[in-house]
Amino acid sequence: MIVNTETIDEFLARRSADVEDAVRTAAETEILPRFRHLAQHEVDQKTGPHDLVTDADRNAELYLTGVLGALLPGSIVVGEEAVHADPAVYAAIQGDAPVWIVDPVDGTRQFVHGDDGFCTLVALARHGELLASWTYAPARAQLATAVRGAGAFLNGERLHAGPPAAGRDLEVATSHPDFTTDEQKRALLRLRTDGVAPRPCGSAGLEYLAVARGLLDATVFSWEAAWDHAAGLLLVEEAGGAHLTLTGEPFRITGGNALPFTTARDEATARRIRGLLTTS
């Protein structure tokens, strides 16, 4: 079993390409063949009509669980669909073993409706620290990667989020009101002010990628599920961005965060958005 972060760094130096191959293969064998070809029996609801799961989600996660666990002996895979089946699986994020955090199809609603705005998300973490991530949008031929301390890249090109251009409204992707508490709704309403242009989010992973690319100024999300955030948070950090909860602390994938939280192109923008969210 891997016993220290240095050894994980060595693993990443040797096997990152194998992780990338696994992500690509999962998409090419289980996801893309079903894109715009889903049969009715391949789509189910989980908690309601806005929370969908498909055979692509299930099969891609099963594939990734087998391959990633074998690549890094002693690691644990925490996947969205496995946690739905057994919520106790989620506790591994707080344990001592290295953890692969997997969202096989982030943006399932878009996927089901034939929209190309979906992606596969994989992150590697230990003791709550994000170490590496892979964001793959197969229908757009985009693969973004990040390794802590080594930068963020999209199709091999380094990403620099940079500060927003002066004098224009901040574009902010936010949680849909249907998925927020009354208190969180009030916080989100504070973004409807001069100089800010909020809009509903799409795939969380692709919104994070847009922030890392400097195409979106910030996100504001109201839920903690690590599979939606882990890969993107590291991608934005390594592109020069920042994330803050309502208490002014960085978001923790281990939970217990004051929500909603913001992720932005730079520290100043994150503080500005956080200030709006906390204004009474």
C-alpha atoms as a PDB file:
ATOM      1  CA  MET A   1       0.000   0.000   0.000  1.00  0.00           C
ATOM      2  CA  ILE A   2       1.158   3.554  -0.726  1.00  0.00           C
ATOM      3  CA  VAL A   3       2.313   5.048   2.584  1.00  0.00           C
ATOM      4  CA  ASN A   4       3.352   8.642   1.861  1.00  0.00           C
ATOM      5  CA  THR A   5       2.692  11.539  -0.460  1.00  0.00           C
ATOM      6  CA  GLU A   6       6.171  11.344  -2.002  1.00  0.00           C
ATOM      7  CA  THR A   7       5.441   7.807  -3.147  1.00  0.00           C
ATOM      8  CA  ILE A   8       2.146   8.977  -4.626  1.00  0.00           C
ATOM      9  CA  ASP A   9       4.098  11.665  -6.480  1.00  0.00           C
ATOM     10  CA  GLU A  10       6.298   8.919  -7.881  1.00  0.00           C
ATOM     11  CA  PHE A  11       3.205   6.951  -8.841  1.00  0.00           C
ATOM     12  CA  LEU A  12       1.807   9.956 -10.690  1.00  0.00           C
ATOM     13  CA  ALA A  13       5.085  10.472 -12.510  1.00  0.00           C
ATOM     14  CA  ARG A  14       5.008   6.865 -13.703  1.00  0.00           C
ATOM     15  CA  ARG A  15       1.331   6.148 -14.215  1.00  0.00           C
ATOM     16  CA  SER A  16      -0.546   9.368 -15.044  1.00  0.00           C
ATOM     17  CA  ALA A  17      -0.671   8.324 -18.684  1.00  0.00           C
ATOM     18  CA  ASP A  18      -2.305   5.056 -17.632  1.00  0.00           C
ATOM     19  CA  VAL A  19      -4.978   6.947 -15.693  1.00  0.00           C
ATOM     20  CA  GLU A  20      -5.597   9.096 -18.757  1.00  0.00           C
ATOM     21  CA  ASP A  21      -5.916   5.967 -20.891  1.00  0.00           C
ATOM     22  CA  ALA A  22      -8.442   4.531 -18.420  1.00  0.00           C
ATOM     23  CA  VAL A  23     -10.558   7.686 -18.525  1.00  0.00           C
ATOM     24  CA  ARG A  24     -10.499   7.774 -22.304  1.00  0.00           C
ATOM     25  CA  THR A  25     -11.317   4.080 -22.581  1.00  0.00           C
ATOM     26  CA  ALA A  26     -14.262   4.361 -20.196  1.00  0.00           C
ATOM     27  CA  ALA A  27     -15.678   7.147 -22.339  1.00  0.00           C
ATOM     28  CA  GLU A  28     -14.999   5.458 -25.652  1.00  0.00           C
ATOM     29  CA  THR A  29     -16.424   2.074 -24.684  1.00  0.00           C
ATOM     30  CA  GLU A  30     -19.270   2.904 -22.289  1.00  0.00           C
ATOM     31  CA  ILE A  31     -20.297   6.546 -22.789  1.00  0.00           C
ATOM     32  CA  LEU A  32     -19.861   7.723 -26.369  1.00  0.00           C
ATOM     33  CA  PRO A  33     -21.560   4.685 -27.965  1.00  0.00           C
ATOM     34  CA  ARG A  34     -24.693   5.625 -25.973  1.00  0.00           C
ATOM     35  CA  PHE A  35     -24.477   9.367 -26.666  1.00  0.00           C
ATOM     36  CA  ARG A  36     -27.644  10.313 -28.582  1.00  0.00           C
ATOM     37  CA  HIS A  37     -28.473   6.591 -28.796  1.00  0.00           C
ATOM     38  CA  LEU A  38     -29.839   5.915 -25.305  1.00  0.00           C
ATOM     39  CA  ALA A  39     -32.743   3.502 -25.148  1.00  0.00           C
ATOM     40  CA  GLN A  40     -35.547   4.231 -22.700  1.00  0.00           C
ATOM     41  CA  HIS A  41     -34.582   1.268 -20.506  1.00  0.00           C
ATOM     42  CA  GLU A  42     -31.037   2.660 -20.156  1.00  0.00           C
ATOM     43  CA  VAL A  43     -32.197   5.771 -18.224  1.00  0.00           C
ATOM     44  CA  ASP A  44     -33.456   5.754 -14.631  1.00  0.00           C
ATOM     45  CA  GLN A  45     -34.282   8.278 -11.930  1.00  0.00           C
ATOM     46  CA  LYS A  46     -32.484   8.273  -8.582  1.00  0.00           C
ATOM     47  CA  THR A  47     -34.005  10.832  -6.205  1.00  0.00           C
ATOM     48  CA  GLY A  48     -36.326  12.445  -8.743  1.00  0.00           C
ATOM     49  CA  PRO A  49     -36.840  13.529 -12.365  1.00  0.00           C
ATOM     50  CA  HIS A  50     -33.893  15.949 -12.222  1.00  0.00           C
ATOM     51  CA  ASP A  51     -31.517  13.295 -10.836  1.00  0.00           C
ATOM     52  CA  LEU A  52     -30.895  10.827 -13.640  1.00  0.00           C
ATOM     53  CA  VAL A  53     -28.598   7.845 -14.048  1.00  0.00           C
ATOM     54  CA  THR A  54     -27.911   5.852 -17.194  1.00  0.00           C
ATOM     55  CA  ASP A  55     -26.223   2.605 -18.124  1.00  0.00           C
ATOM     56  CA  ALA A  56     -23.326   4.773 -19.315  1.00  0.00           C
ATOM     57  CA  ASP A  57     -22.874   6.139 -15.776  1.00  0.00           C
ATOM     58  CA  ARG A  58     -23.011   2.714 -14.167  1.00  0.00           C
ATOM     59  CA  ASN A  59     -20.809   0.872 -16.645  1.00  0.00           C
ATOM     60  CA  ALA A  60     -18.180   3.594 -16.932  1.00  0.00           C
ATOM     61  CA  GLU A  61     -17.876   3.750 -13.144  1.00  0.00           C
ATOM     62  CA  LEU A  62     -17.519  -0.017 -12.882  1.00  0.00           C
ATOM     63  CA  TYR A  63     -14.763   0.048 -15.483  1.00  0.00           C
ATOM     64  CA  LEU A  64     -12.902   2.895 -13.796  1.00  0.00           C
ATOM     65  CA  THR A  65     -13.265   1.297 -10.372  1.00  0.00           C
ATOM     66  CA  GLY A  66     -11.554  -1.863 -11.559  1.00  0.00           C
ATOM     67  CA  VAL A  67      -8.747  -0.177 -13.476  1.00  0.00           C
ATOM     68  CA  LEU A  68      -7.922   2.620 -11.022  1.00  0.00           C
ATOM     69  CA  GLY A  69      -7.912   0.284  -8.036  1.00  0.00           C
ATOM     70  CA  ALA A  70      -5.498  -2.023  -9.854  1.00  0.00           C
ATOM     71  CA  LEU A  71      -3.215   0.825 -10.905  1.00  0.00           C
ATOM     72  CA  LEU A  72      -2.722   1.963  -7.301  1.00  0.00           C
ATOM     73  CA  PRO A  73      -2.866  -1.008  -4.911  1.00  0.00           C
ATOM     74  CA  GLY A  74      -4.303  -0.068  -1.533  1.00  0.00           C
ATOM     75  CA  SER A  75      -6.353   2.780  -2.950  1.00  0.00           C
ATOM     76  CA  ILE A  76     -10.130   3.077  -2.677  1.00  0.00           C
ATOM     77  CA  VAL A  77     -12.556   4.262  -5.346  1.00  0.00           C
ATOM     78  CA  VAL A  78     -15.408   6.530  -4.275  1.00  0.00           C
ATOM     79  CA  GLY A  79     -17.789   6.813  -7.215  1.00  0.00           C
ATOM     80  CA  GLU A  80     -21.097   8.634  -7.406  1.00  0.00           C
ATOM     81  CA  GLU A  81     -23.080   5.528  -8.306  1.00  0.00           C
ATOM     82  CA  ALA A  82     -21.383   3.354  -5.669  1.00  0.00           C
ATOM     83  CA  VAL A  83     -22.228   5.929  -3.014  1.00  0.00           C
ATOM     84  CA  HIS A  84     -25.835   6.065  -4.211  1.00  0.00           C
ATOM     85  CA  ALA A  85     -26.004   2.290  -3.732  1.00  0.00           C
ATOM     86  CA  ASP A  86     -24.182   2.393  -0.377  1.00  0.00           C
ATOM     87  CA  PRO A  87     -23.710   5.827   1.279  1.00  0.00           C
ATOM     88  CA  ALA A  88     -21.129   4.347   3.673  1.00  0.00           C
ATOM     89  CA  VAL A  89     -18.637   4.228   0.782  1.00  0.00           C
ATOM     90  CA  TYR A  90     -18.282   8.021   1.004  1.00  0.00           C
ATOM     91  CA  ALA A  91     -16.487   7.793   4.370  1.00  0.00           C
ATOM     92  CA  ALA A  92     -13.318   6.613   2.608  1.00  0.00           C
ATOM     93  CA  ILE A  93     -12.623  10.246   1.633  1.00  0.00           C
ATOM     94  CA  GLN A  94     -11.798  10.890   5.297  1.00  0.00           C
ATOM     95  CA  GLY A  95      -9.664   7.765   5.711  1.00  0.00           C
ATOM     96  CA  ASP A  96      -5.937   7.115   5.430  1.00  0.00           C
ATOM     97  CA  ALA A  97      -5.863   5.348   2.067  1.00  0.00           C
ATOM     98  CA  PRO A  98      -5.450   7.161  -1.246  1.00  0.00           C
ATOM     99  CA  VAL A  99      -8.880   7.759  -2.759  1.00  0.00           C
ATOM    100  CA  TRP A 100      -9.992   7.974  -6.358  1.00  0.00           C
ATOM    101  CA  ILE A 101     -13.053  10.240  -6.573  1.00  0.00           C
ATOM    102  CA  VAL A 102     -15.071   9.428  -9.696  1.00  0.00           C
ATOM    103  CA  ASP A 103     -18.035  10.980 -11.474  1.00  0.00           C
ATOM    104  CA  PRO A 104     -18.454   8.793 -14.568  1.00  0.00           C
ATOM    105  CA  VAL A 105     -20.823  11.190 -16.357  1.00  0.00           C
ATOM    106  CA  ASP A 106     -20.958  14.668 -14.882  1.00  0.00           C
ATOM    107  CA  GLY A 107     -23.861  16.389 -16.587  1.00  0.00           C
ATOM    108  CA  THR A 108     -26.054  13.306 -16.975  1.00  0.00           C
ATOM    109  CA  ARG A 109     -29.072  15.487 -17.756  1.00  0.00           C
ATOM    110  CA  GLN A 110     -27.233  17.048 -20.683  1.00  0.00           C
ATOM    111  CA  PHE A 111     -26.015  13.628 -21.797  1.00  0.00           C
ATOM    112  CA  VAL A 112     -29.542  12.217 -21.767  1.00  0.00           C
ATOM    113  CA  HIS A 113     -30.810  15.154 -23.834  1.00  0.00           C
ATOM    114  CA  GLY A 114     -28.090  14.802 -26.457  1.00  0.00           C
ATOM    115  CA  ASP A 115     -26.152  17.898 -25.396  1.00  0.00           C
ATOM    116  CA  ASP A 116     -22.348  17.597 -25.565  1.00  0.00           C
ATOM    117  CA  GLY A 117     -21.914  19.433 -22.234  1.00  0.00           C
ATOM    118  CA  PHE A 118     -20.933  16.420 -20.130  1.00  0.00           C
ATOM    119  CA  CYS A 119     -17.643  15.007 -18.912  1.00  0.00           C
ATOM    120  CA  THR A 120     -15.946  12.275 -16.907  1.00  0.00           C
ATOM    121  CA  LEU A 121     -14.260  13.424 -13.693  1.00  0.00           C
ATOM    122  CA  VAL A 122     -11.512  11.615 -11.792  1.00  0.00           C
ATOM    123  CA  ALA A 123      -9.463  12.982  -8.907  1.00  0.00           C
ATOM    124  CA  LEU A 124      -6.859  11.403  -6.630  1.00  0.00           C
ATOM    125  CA  ALA A 125      -6.760  12.569  -3.019  1.00  0.00           C
ATOM    126  CA  ARG A 126      -5.349  11.559   0.341  1.00  0.00           C
ATOM    127  CA  HIS A 127      -6.130  12.912   3.809  1.00  0.00           C
ATOM    128  CA  GLY A 128      -8.464  15.420   2.178  1.00  0.00           C
ATOM    129  CA  GLU A 129      -5.757  16.865  -0.067  1.00  0.00           C
ATOM    130  CA  LEU A 130      -6.316  16.838  -3.810  1.00  0.00           C
ATOM    131  CA  LEU A 131      -3.245  15.500  -5.616  1.00  0.00           C
ATOM    132  CA  ALA A 132      -4.237  15.055  -9.260  1.00  0.00           C
ATOM    133  CA  SER A 133      -7.275  15.316 -11.509  1.00  0.00           C
ATOM    134  CA  TRP A 134      -8.574  14.436 -14.945  1.00  0.00           C
ATOM    135  CA  THR A 135     -11.545  16.151 -16.650  1.00  0.00           C
ATOM    136  CA  TYR A 136     -12.524  14.570 -19.951  1.00  0.00           C
ATOM    137  CA  ALA A 137     -15.245  15.951 -22.220  1.00  0.00           C
ATOM    138  CA  PRO A 138     -15.252  13.221 -24.904  1.00  0.00           C
ATOM    139  CA  ALA A 139     -17.865  14.779 -27.185  1.00  0.00           C
ATOM    140  CA  ARG A 140     -15.729  17.940 -27.291  1.00  0.00           C
ATOM    141  CA  ALA A 141     -12.354  16.157 -27.502  1.00  0.00           C
ATOM    142  CA  GLN A 142     -11.123  18.032 -24.413  1.00  0.00           C
ATOM    143  CA  LEU A 143      -8.931  16.506 -21.728  1.00  0.00           C
ATOM    144  CA  ALA A 144      -7.853  18.719 -18.837  1.00  0.00           C
ATOM    145  CA  THR A 145      -5.362  17.496 -16.244  1.00  0.00           C
ATOM    146  CA  ALA A 146      -3.808  18.874 -13.093  1.00  0.00           C
ATOM    147  CA  VAL A 147      -1.179  17.677 -10.621  1.00  0.00           C
ATOM    148  CA  ARG A 148      -0.661  19.574  -7.385  1.00  0.00           C
ATOM    149  CA  GLY A 149       2.295  21.902  -7.787  1.00  0.00           C
ATOM    150  CA  ALA A 150       2.780  21.056 -11.458  1.00  0.00           C
ATOM    151  CA  GLY A 151       0.090  23.153 -13.161  1.00  0.00           C
ATOM    152  CA  ALA A 152      -3.119  22.614 -15.106  1.00  0.00           C
ATOM    153  CA  PHE A 153      -3.345  21.704 -18.774  1.00  0.00           C
ATOM    154  CA  LEU A 154      -5.980  21.362 -21.488  1.00  0.00           C
ATOM    155  CA  ASN A 155      -5.017  19.073 -24.363  1.00  0.00           C
ATOM    156  CA  GLY A 156      -1.391  19.643 -23.391  1.00  0.00           C
ATOM    157  CA  GLU A 157      -1.570  23.456 -23.258  1.00  0.00           C
ATOM    158  CA  ARG A 158      -0.958  25.089 -19.893  1.00  0.00           C
ATOM    159  CA  LEU A 159      -3.925  26.908 -18.365  1.00  0.00           C
ATOM    160  CA  HIS A 160      -3.747  30.352 -16.724  1.00  0.00           C
ATOM    161  CA  ALA A 161      -7.090  31.639 -15.483  1.00  0.00           C
ATOM    162  CA  GLY A 162      -5.910  35.217 -14.912  1.00  0.00           C
ATOM    163  CA  PRO A 163      -7.983  38.051 -13.421  1.00  0.00           C
ATOM    164  CA  PRO A 164     -11.244  39.154 -15.052  1.00  0.00           C
ATOM    165  CA  ALA A 165     -11.094  42.071 -17.467  1.00  0.00           C
ATOM    166  CA  ALA A 166     -11.753  45.377 -15.753  1.00  0.00           C
ATOM    167  CA  GLY A 167     -15.031  47.171 -16.375  1.00  0.00           C
ATOM    168  CA  ARG A 168     -17.288  44.290 -17.298  1.00  0.00           C
ATOM    169  CA  ASP A 169     -19.796  42.241 -15.331  1.00  0.00           C
ATOM    170  CA  LEU A 170     -18.557  39.102 -13.633  1.00  0.00           C
ATOM    171  CA  GLU A 171     -20.098  36.013 -15.200  1.00  0.00           C
ATOM    172  CA  VAL A 172     -20.964  33.552 -12.430  1.00  0.00           C
ATOM    173  CA  ALA A 173     -22.440  30.058 -12.831  1.00  0.00           C
ATOM    174  CA  THR A 174     -24.626  29.145  -9.850  1.00  0.00           C
ATOM    175  CA  SER A 175     -26.579  26.243  -8.412  1.00  0.00           C
ATOM    176  CA  HIS A 176     -30.136  25.954  -9.690  1.00  0.00           C
ATOM    177  CA  PRO A 177     -32.609  27.279  -7.078  1.00  0.00           C
ATOM    178  CA  ASP A 178     -34.340  23.881  -7.041  1.00  0.00           C
ATOM    179  CA  PHE A 179     -31.264  22.426  -5.348  1.00  0.00           C
ATOM    180  CA  THR A 180     -30.836  25.052  -2.631  1.00  0.00           C
ATOM    181  CA  THR A 181     -32.234  25.734   0.827  1.00  0.00           C
ATOM    182  CA  ASP A 182     -34.177  28.918   1.552  1.00  0.00           C
ATOM    183  CA  GLU A 183     -31.102  30.434   3.199  1.00  0.00           C
ATOM    184  CA  GLN A 184     -28.940  29.541   0.202  1.00  0.00           C
ATOM    185  CA  LYS A 185     -31.532  31.035  -2.152  1.00  0.00           C
ATOM    186  CA  ARG A 186     -31.248  34.309  -0.258  1.00  0.00           C
ATOM    187  CA  ALA A 187     -27.459  34.191  -0.597  1.00  0.00           C
ATOM    188  CA  LEU A 188     -27.669  33.554  -4.341  1.00  0.00           C
ATOM    189  CA  LEU A 189     -30.114  36.420  -4.789  1.00  0.00           C
ATOM    190  CA  ARG A 190     -27.404  38.772  -3.494  1.00  0.00           C
ATOM    191  CA  LEU A 191     -25.482  38.079  -6.696  1.00  0.00           C
ATOM    192  CA  ARG A 192     -28.194  39.903  -8.637  1.00  0.00           C
ATOM    193  CA  THR A 193     -26.447  43.219  -8.316  1.00  0.00           C
ATOM    194  CA  ASP A 194     -24.571  45.695 -10.476  1.00  0.00           C
ATOM    195  CA  GLY A 195     -21.375  44.241 -11.882  1.00  0.00           C
ATOM    196  CA  VAL A 196     -22.404  40.579 -11.617  1.00  0.00           C
ATOM    197  CA  ALA A 197     -24.199  38.420 -14.200  1.00  0.00           C
ATOM    198  CA  PRO A 198     -25.296  35.125 -12.599  1.00  0.00           C
ATOM    199  CA  ARG A 199     -26.652  32.216 -14.615  1.00  0.00           C
ATOM    200  CA  PRO A 200     -27.626  28.590 -13.856  1.00  0.00           C
ATOM    201  CA  CYS A 201     -24.761  26.114 -14.065  1.00  0.00           C
ATOM    202  CA  GLY A 202     -24.419  23.207 -16.430  1.00  0.00           C
ATOM    203  CA  SER A 203     -22.015  20.344 -15.806  1.00  0.00           C
ATOM    204  CA  ALA A 204     -20.022  21.345 -12.712  1.00  0.00           C
ATOM    205  CA  GLY A 205     -16.849  19.839 -14.148  1.00  0.00           C
ATOM    206  CA  LEU A 206     -17.123  21.881 -17.333  1.00  0.00           C
ATOM    207  CA  GLU A 207     -17.916  25.054 -15.386  1.00  0.00           C
ATOM    208  CA  TYR A 208     -14.699  24.536 -13.406  1.00  0.00           C
ATOM    209  CA  LEU A 209     -12.823  24.013 -16.655  1.00  0.00           C
ATOM    210  CA  ALA A 210     -14.264  27.279 -17.980  1.00  0.00           C
ATOM    211  CA  VAL A 211     -12.984  29.082 -14.860  1.00  0.00           C
ATOM    212  CA  ALA A 212      -9.528  27.540 -15.285  1.00  0.00           C
ATOM    213  CA  ARG A 213      -9.508  28.693 -18.913  1.00  0.00           C
ATOM    214  CA  GLY A 214     -10.557  32.233 -18.004  1.00  0.00           C
ATOM    215  CA  LEU A 215     -13.836  31.865 -19.910  1.00  0.00           C
ATOM    216  CA  LEU A 216     -15.978  32.069 -16.760  1.00  0.00           C
ATOM    217  CA  ASP A 217     -15.248  34.303 -13.792  1.00  0.00           C
ATOM    218  CA  ALA A 218     -16.627  32.210 -10.941  1.00  0.00           C
ATOM    219  CA  THR A 219     -18.963  29.482  -9.788  1.00  0.00           C
ATOM    220  CA  VAL A 220     -21.198  29.404  -6.710  1.00  0.00           C
ATOM    221  CA  PHE A 221     -22.355  25.947  -5.652  1.00  0.00           C
ATOM    222  CA  SER A 222     -24.562  24.883  -2.774  1.00  0.00           C
ATOM    223  CA  TRP A 223     -23.739  21.188  -2.407  1.00  0.00           C
ATOM    224  CA  GLU A 224     -20.702  19.240  -1.204  1.00  0.00           C
ATOM    225  CA  ALA A 225     -20.633  15.975  -3.217  1.00  0.00           C
ATOM    226  CA  ALA A 226     -16.917  15.488  -3.778  1.00  0.00           C
ATOM    227  CA  TRP A 227     -17.266  13.823  -7.180  1.00  0.00           C
ATOM    228  CA  ASP A 228     -18.707  17.041  -8.615  1.00  0.00           C
ATOM    229  CA  HIS A 229     -16.000  19.317  -7.213  1.00  0.00           C
ATOM    230  CA  ALA A 230     -12.721  17.491  -6.578  1.00  0.00           C
ATOM    231  CA  ALA A 231     -11.318  17.390 -10.108  1.00  0.00           C
ATOM    232  CA  GLY A 232     -12.359  20.947 -10.920  1.00  0.00           C
ATOM    233  CA  LEU A 233     -11.126  22.498  -7.694  1.00  0.00           C
ATOM    234  CA  LEU A 234      -7.581  21.281  -8.294  1.00  0.00           C
ATOM    235  CA  LEU A 235      -7.769  22.300 -11.954  1.00  0.00           C
ATOM    236  CA  VAL A 236      -8.719  25.858 -10.987  1.00  0.00           C
ATOM    237  CA  GLU A 237      -6.125  26.048  -8.198  1.00  0.00           C
ATOM    238  CA  GLU A 238      -3.338  24.951 -10.525  1.00  0.00           C
ATOM    239  CA  ALA A 239      -4.508  27.508 -13.117  1.00  0.00           C
ATOM    240  CA  GLY A 240      -4.095  30.260 -10.498  1.00  0.00           C
ATOM    241  CA  GLY A 241      -7.637  30.434  -9.142  1.00  0.00           C
ATOM    242  CA  ALA A 242      -9.052  30.181  -5.638  1.00  0.00           C
ATOM    243  CA  HIS A 243     -12.059  28.868  -3.722  1.00  0.00           C
ATOM    244  CA  LEU A 244     -13.722  30.104  -0.540  1.00  0.00           C
ATOM    245  CA  THR A 245     -16.643  29.056   1.627  1.00  0.00           C
ATOM    246  CA  LEU A 246     -18.887  31.516   3.457  1.00  0.00           C
ATOM    247  CA  THR A 247     -16.474  31.495   6.430  1.00  0.00           C
ATOM    248  CA  GLY A 248     -13.584  32.539   4.189  1.00  0.00           C
ATOM    249  CA  GLU A 249     -11.892  29.138   4.288  1.00  0.00           C
ATOM    250  CA  PRO A 250     -11.067  26.997   1.241  1.00  0.00           C
ATOM    251  CA  PHE A 251     -13.587  24.298   0.393  1.00  0.00           C
ATOM    252  CA  ARG A 252     -12.805  20.899   1.978  1.00  0.00           C
ATOM    253  CA  ILE A 253     -13.679  17.734   0.071  1.00  0.00           C
ATOM    254  CA  THR A 254     -14.035  16.001   3.449  1.00  0.00           C
ATOM    255  CA  GLY A 255     -17.159  18.084   4.130  1.00  0.00           C
ATOM    256  CA  GLY A 256     -18.406  20.393   6.846  1.00  0.00           C
ATOM    257  CA  ASN A 257     -18.257  23.481   4.633  1.00  0.00           C
ATOM    258  CA  ALA A 258     -20.287  26.669   5.083  1.00  0.00           C
ATOM    259  CA  LEU A 259     -22.359  26.820   1.905  1.00  0.00           C
ATOM    260  CA  PRO A 260     -22.708  28.078  -0.732  1.00  0.00           C
ATOM    261  CA  PHE A 261     -19.058  28.375  -1.735  1.00  0.00           C
ATOM    262  CA  THR A 262     -17.332  30.089  -4.623  1.00  0.00           C
ATOM    263  CA  THR A 263     -14.511  29.149  -6.961  1.00  0.00           C
ATOM    264  CA  ALA A 264     -13.022  31.952  -9.051  1.00  0.00           C
ATOM    265  CA  ARG A 265     -10.330  32.881 -11.517  1.00  0.00           C
ATOM    266  CA  ASP A 266      -8.296  34.663  -8.858  1.00  0.00           C
ATOM    267  CA  GLU A 267      -8.279  35.328  -5.122  1.00  0.00           C
ATOM    268  CA  ALA A 268      -9.672  38.850  -5.455  1.00  0.00           C
ATOM    269  CA  THR A 269     -12.698  37.656  -7.405  1.00  0.00           C
ATOM    270  CA  ALA A 270     -13.316  34.838  -4.937  1.00  0.00           C
ATOM    271  CA  ARG A 271     -13.283  37.336  -2.073  1.00  0.00           C
ATOM    272  CA  ARG A 272     -15.610  39.686  -3.939  1.00  0.00           C
ATOM    273  CA  ILE A 273     -18.159  36.925  -4.593  1.00  0.00           C
ATOM    274  CA  ARG A 274     -17.895  35.623  -1.048  1.00  0.00           C
ATOM    275  CA  GLY A 275     -18.491  39.161   0.236  1.00  0.00           C
ATOM    276  CA  LEU A 276     -21.698  39.428  -1.772  1.00  0.00           C
ATOM    277  CA  LEU A 277     -22.910  36.040  -0.532  1.00  0.00           C
ATOM    278  CA  THR A 278     -22.408  37.040   3.100  1.00  0.00           C
ATOM    279  CA  THR A 279     -23.859  40.552   2.873  1.00  0.00           C
ATOM    280  CA  SER A 280     -26.981  40.792   5.054  1.00  0.00           C
END
